[in-house]
Structures are given as structure tokens and as C-alpha cells.
């Protein structure tokens, strides 16, 4: 199984809502369709706000738990 290498990485741990979602959307605007954005977030409200918002925008989102204090998202840019 191939490991997906991100084209861009954002560490948004400690970033409040809705700023983390806005930063994700801005980063995705610079990517081409099919490219990957890696986002590290705090669990809880940031994850609950960002993941559904990105999916509503049409992006593919995979969530990986890195421990009790960190969640990693791999977001495939839809180009929309």
C-alpha cells in the first residue's frame, strides 16, 4: 500500500475555530485538484468543525488519530 505524501502541511494545533477552517480553505486554494493537504488539528471542536466543512466543499478527507491531543487530516483537493 502506497503512503500518501502531502503536497502541503499545516500545523493548526492551538488554532481557534473558525480560523483553522479558514486557513485550510486558503491552503486548498493554492493546490491543484488531486493534490494532498496534511492538516494537524486539536481533537474536539476543531475536528468537528473542519472535517464536515471540507467534505461539504467536496474535498476527500481521511482522519487519523495521532494520540489524545492531535488529529491528522489528509485532504485531497477537489479543485472546487
N, C-alpha and C. Protein backbone atom coordinates (compact mmCIF):
# COMPACT_ATOMS: atom_id res chain seq x y z
N UNK A 1 0.84 -1.19 0.00
CA UNK A 1 0.00 0.00 0.00
C UNK A 1 0.88 1.25 0.00
N UNK A 2 0.67 2.15 -0.93
CA UNK A 2 1.47 3.36 -1.04
C UNK A 2 1.08 4.36 0.04
N UNK A 3 2.09 5.05 0.55
CA UNK A 3 1.85 6.08 1.56
C UNK A 3 1.66 7.40 0.82
N UNK A 4 0.58 8.08 1.14
CA UNK A 4 0.27 9.35 0.50
C UNK A 4 1.18 10.44 1.05
N UNK A 5 1.91 11.10 0.18
CA UNK A 5 2.80 12.19 0.58
C UNK A 5 2.08 13.52 0.38
N UNK A 6 1.98 14.33 1.42
CA UNK A 6 1.28 15.61 1.27
C UNK A 6 2.07 16.59 0.40
N UNK A 7 1.33 17.39 -0.33
CA UNK A 7 1.93 18.45 -1.14
C UNK A 7 2.12 19.72 -0.31
N UNK A 8 1.35 19.82 0.77
CA UNK A 8 1.45 20.96 1.68
C UNK A 8 1.06 20.48 3.07
N UNK A 9 1.68 21.08 4.11
CA UNK A 9 1.42 20.68 5.50
C UNK A 9 1.06 21.91 6.32
N UNK A 10 -0.01 21.78 7.12
CA UNK A 10 -0.41 22.84 8.06
C UNK A 10 -0.47 22.25 9.46
N UNK A 11 0.17 22.90 10.41
CA UNK A 11 0.03 22.52 11.81
C UNK A 11 -0.85 23.58 12.46
N UNK A 12 -2.12 23.23 12.69
CA UNK A 12 -3.08 24.17 13.25
C UNK A 12 -3.45 23.83 14.69
N UNK A 13 -2.62 23.05 15.36
CA UNK A 13 -2.87 22.75 16.77
C UNK A 13 -2.81 24.06 17.55
N UNK A 14 -3.79 24.28 18.39
CA UNK A 14 -3.87 25.50 19.17
C UNK A 14 -4.55 26.65 18.45
N UNK A 15 -4.93 26.45 17.20
CA UNK A 15 -5.61 27.49 16.42
C UNK A 15 -7.11 27.42 16.69
N UNK A 16 -7.73 28.54 17.06
CA UNK A 16 -9.16 28.51 17.39
C UNK A 16 -10.05 28.43 16.15
N UNK A 17 -11.28 27.97 16.37
CA UNK A 17 -12.31 27.97 15.33
C UNK A 17 -12.84 29.40 15.22
N UNK A 18 -13.22 29.86 14.07
CA UNK A 18 -13.22 29.22 12.76
C UNK A 18 -11.93 29.45 11.98
N UNK A 19 -10.91 30.03 12.63
CA UNK A 19 -9.67 30.36 11.93
C UNK A 19 -9.01 29.14 11.31
N UNK A 20 -9.08 27.99 11.99
CA UNK A 20 -8.46 26.78 11.43
C UNK A 20 -9.14 26.36 10.12
N UNK A 21 -10.45 26.45 10.05
CA UNK A 21 -11.17 26.10 8.82
C UNK A 21 -10.81 27.08 7.70
N UNK A 22 -10.74 28.35 8.02
CA UNK A 22 -10.40 29.37 7.02
C UNK A 22 -8.99 29.12 6.47
N UNK A 23 -8.05 28.80 7.34
CA UNK A 23 -6.68 28.53 6.88
C UNK A 23 -6.61 27.29 5.99
N UNK A 24 -7.42 26.28 6.32
CA UNK A 24 -7.48 25.09 5.46
C UNK A 24 -7.99 25.45 4.07
N UNK A 25 -9.06 26.22 4.03
CA UNK A 25 -9.64 26.60 2.73
C UNK A 25 -8.66 27.44 1.91
N UNK A 26 -7.95 28.35 2.55
CA UNK A 26 -6.97 29.16 1.84
C UNK A 26 -5.83 28.30 1.30
N UNK A 27 -5.37 27.34 2.09
CA UNK A 27 -4.31 26.44 1.63
C UNK A 27 -4.78 25.60 0.45
N UNK A 28 -6.01 25.13 0.49
CA UNK A 28 -6.54 24.31 -0.60
C UNK A 28 -6.68 25.10 -1.89
N UNK A 29 -6.89 26.41 -1.79
CA UNK A 29 -7.00 27.24 -2.99
C UNK A 29 -5.70 27.25 -3.79
N UNK A 30 -4.56 27.01 -3.12
CA UNK A 30 -3.27 27.02 -3.81
C UNK A 30 -2.90 25.66 -4.39
N UNK A 31 -3.71 24.63 -4.13
CA UNK A 31 -3.42 23.29 -4.62
C UNK A 31 -4.23 22.97 -5.87
N UNK A 32 -3.68 22.10 -6.68
CA UNK A 32 -4.38 21.62 -7.87
C UNK A 32 -5.28 20.45 -7.49
N UNK A 33 -6.31 20.18 -8.27
CA UNK A 33 -7.16 19.02 -7.99
C UNK A 33 -6.32 17.74 -7.90
N UNK A 34 -6.60 16.96 -6.86
CA UNK A 34 -5.89 15.71 -6.64
C UNK A 34 -4.69 15.83 -5.73
N UNK A 35 -4.23 17.06 -5.46
CA UNK A 35 -3.11 17.22 -4.54
C UNK A 35 -3.59 17.05 -3.11
N UNK A 36 -2.62 16.78 -2.21
CA UNK A 36 -2.94 16.44 -0.82
C UNK A 36 -2.45 17.51 0.15
N UNK A 37 -3.34 17.89 1.05
CA UNK A 37 -3.02 18.81 2.15
C UNK A 37 -3.07 18.01 3.44
N UNK A 38 -1.98 18.06 4.21
CA UNK A 38 -1.97 17.43 5.54
C UNK A 38 -2.23 18.52 6.57
N UNK A 39 -3.19 18.28 7.46
CA UNK A 39 -3.55 19.25 8.49
C UNK A 39 -3.53 18.56 9.84
N UNK A 40 -2.75 19.10 10.79
CA UNK A 40 -2.77 18.61 12.16
C UNK A 40 -3.63 19.56 12.98
N UNK A 41 -4.58 18.98 13.72
CA UNK A 41 -5.56 19.75 14.49
C UNK A 41 -5.67 19.22 15.91
N UNK A 42 -6.25 20.04 16.76
CA UNK A 42 -6.68 19.56 18.07
C UNK A 42 -7.95 18.75 17.89
N UNK A 43 -8.14 17.70 18.71
CA UNK A 43 -9.42 16.98 18.65
C UNK A 43 -10.53 17.85 19.25
N UNK A 44 -11.76 17.39 19.11
CA UNK A 44 -12.89 18.12 19.67
C UNK A 44 -13.46 19.10 18.67
N UNK A 45 -13.75 20.32 19.13
CA UNK A 45 -14.42 21.30 18.27
C UNK A 45 -13.69 21.58 16.96
N UNK A 46 -12.36 21.76 16.96
CA UNK A 46 -11.70 21.99 15.66
C UNK A 46 -11.96 20.87 14.66
N UNK A 47 -11.81 19.64 15.10
CA UNK A 47 -12.08 18.49 14.22
C UNK A 47 -13.54 18.46 13.79
N UNK A 48 -14.44 18.72 14.73
CA UNK A 48 -15.88 18.67 14.44
C UNK A 48 -16.32 19.76 13.47
N UNK A 49 -15.59 20.86 13.42
CA UNK A 49 -15.93 21.96 12.52
C UNK A 49 -15.25 21.81 11.15
N UNK A 50 -13.98 21.43 11.16
CA UNK A 50 -13.19 21.42 9.93
C UNK A 50 -13.56 20.25 9.01
N UNK A 51 -13.64 19.04 9.56
CA UNK A 51 -13.88 17.85 8.72
C UNK A 51 -15.18 17.97 7.93
N UNK A 52 -16.33 18.23 8.58
CA UNK A 52 -17.57 18.34 7.79
C UNK A 52 -17.55 19.50 6.80
N UNK A 53 -16.92 20.61 7.19
CA UNK A 53 -16.86 21.76 6.29
C UNK A 53 -16.08 21.46 5.02
N UNK A 54 -14.95 20.77 5.16
CA UNK A 54 -14.16 20.41 3.99
C UNK A 54 -14.90 19.40 3.11
N UNK A 55 -15.57 18.46 3.75
CA UNK A 55 -16.35 17.48 2.97
C UNK A 55 -17.50 18.16 2.24
N UNK A 56 -18.15 19.13 2.87
CA UNK A 56 -19.23 19.88 2.20
C UNK A 56 -18.69 20.62 0.97
N UNK A 57 -17.44 21.04 1.06
CA UNK A 57 -16.81 21.73 -0.07
C UNK A 57 -16.39 20.77 -1.17
N UNK A 58 -16.57 19.46 -0.95
CA UNK A 58 -16.28 18.47 -1.98
C UNK A 58 -14.92 17.80 -1.90
N UNK A 59 -14.14 18.11 -0.87
CA UNK A 59 -12.81 17.53 -0.73
C UNK A 59 -12.90 16.16 -0.06
N UNK A 60 -11.98 15.28 -0.40
CA UNK A 60 -11.88 13.99 0.27
C UNK A 60 -11.08 14.16 1.55
N UNK A 61 -11.58 13.65 2.67
CA UNK A 61 -10.91 13.82 3.96
C UNK A 61 -10.75 12.48 4.65
N UNK A 62 -9.50 12.16 5.03
CA UNK A 62 -9.20 10.99 5.84
C UNK A 62 -8.70 11.49 7.19
N UNK A 63 -9.21 10.90 8.27
CA UNK A 63 -8.86 11.32 9.63
C UNK A 63 -8.01 10.24 10.28
N UNK A 64 -6.89 10.66 10.87
CA UNK A 64 -6.01 9.75 11.59
C UNK A 64 -5.77 10.30 12.99
N UNK A 65 -5.99 9.48 14.00
CA UNK A 65 -5.75 9.89 15.39
C UNK A 65 -4.28 9.67 15.71
N UNK A 66 -3.60 10.72 16.14
CA UNK A 66 -2.19 10.62 16.48
C UNK A 66 -1.97 10.54 17.98
N UNK A 67 -3.03 10.46 18.73
CA UNK A 67 -2.96 10.43 20.19
C UNK A 67 -4.10 11.25 20.75
N UNK A 68 -4.12 11.42 22.05
CA UNK A 68 -5.25 12.14 22.66
C UNK A 68 -5.28 13.64 22.36
N UNK A 69 -4.15 14.20 21.91
CA UNK A 69 -4.06 15.64 21.73
C UNK A 69 -3.90 16.10 20.29
N UNK A 70 -3.97 15.15 19.33
CA UNK A 70 -3.70 15.55 17.95
C UNK A 70 -4.44 14.65 16.97
N UNK A 71 -4.99 15.29 15.95
CA UNK A 71 -5.68 14.60 14.86
C UNK A 71 -5.01 15.05 13.56
N UNK A 72 -4.77 14.11 12.65
CA UNK A 72 -4.19 14.46 11.35
C UNK A 72 -5.23 14.21 10.27
N UNK A 73 -5.42 15.22 9.44
CA UNK A 73 -6.31 15.10 8.29
C UNK A 73 -5.46 15.04 7.03
N UNK A 74 -5.82 14.14 6.14
CA UNK A 74 -5.26 14.14 4.79
C UNK A 74 -6.41 14.53 3.87
N UNK A 75 -6.27 15.67 3.24
CA UNK A 75 -7.34 16.26 2.44
C UNK A 75 -6.92 16.23 0.98
N UNK A 76 -7.72 15.58 0.16
CA UNK A 76 -7.49 15.55 -1.29
C UNK A 76 -8.30 16.68 -1.91
N UNK A 77 -7.60 17.60 -2.53
CA UNK A 77 -8.23 18.79 -3.11
C UNK A 77 -9.15 18.41 -4.28
N UNK A 78 -10.36 18.91 -4.22
CA UNK A 78 -11.33 18.62 -5.28
C UNK A 78 -11.21 19.60 -6.44
N UNK A 79 -10.57 20.73 -6.18
CA UNK A 79 -10.45 21.75 -7.22
C UNK A 79 -11.63 22.68 -7.30
N UNK A 80 -12.60 22.53 -6.42
CA UNK A 80 -13.80 23.40 -6.44
C UNK A 80 -13.57 24.65 -5.64
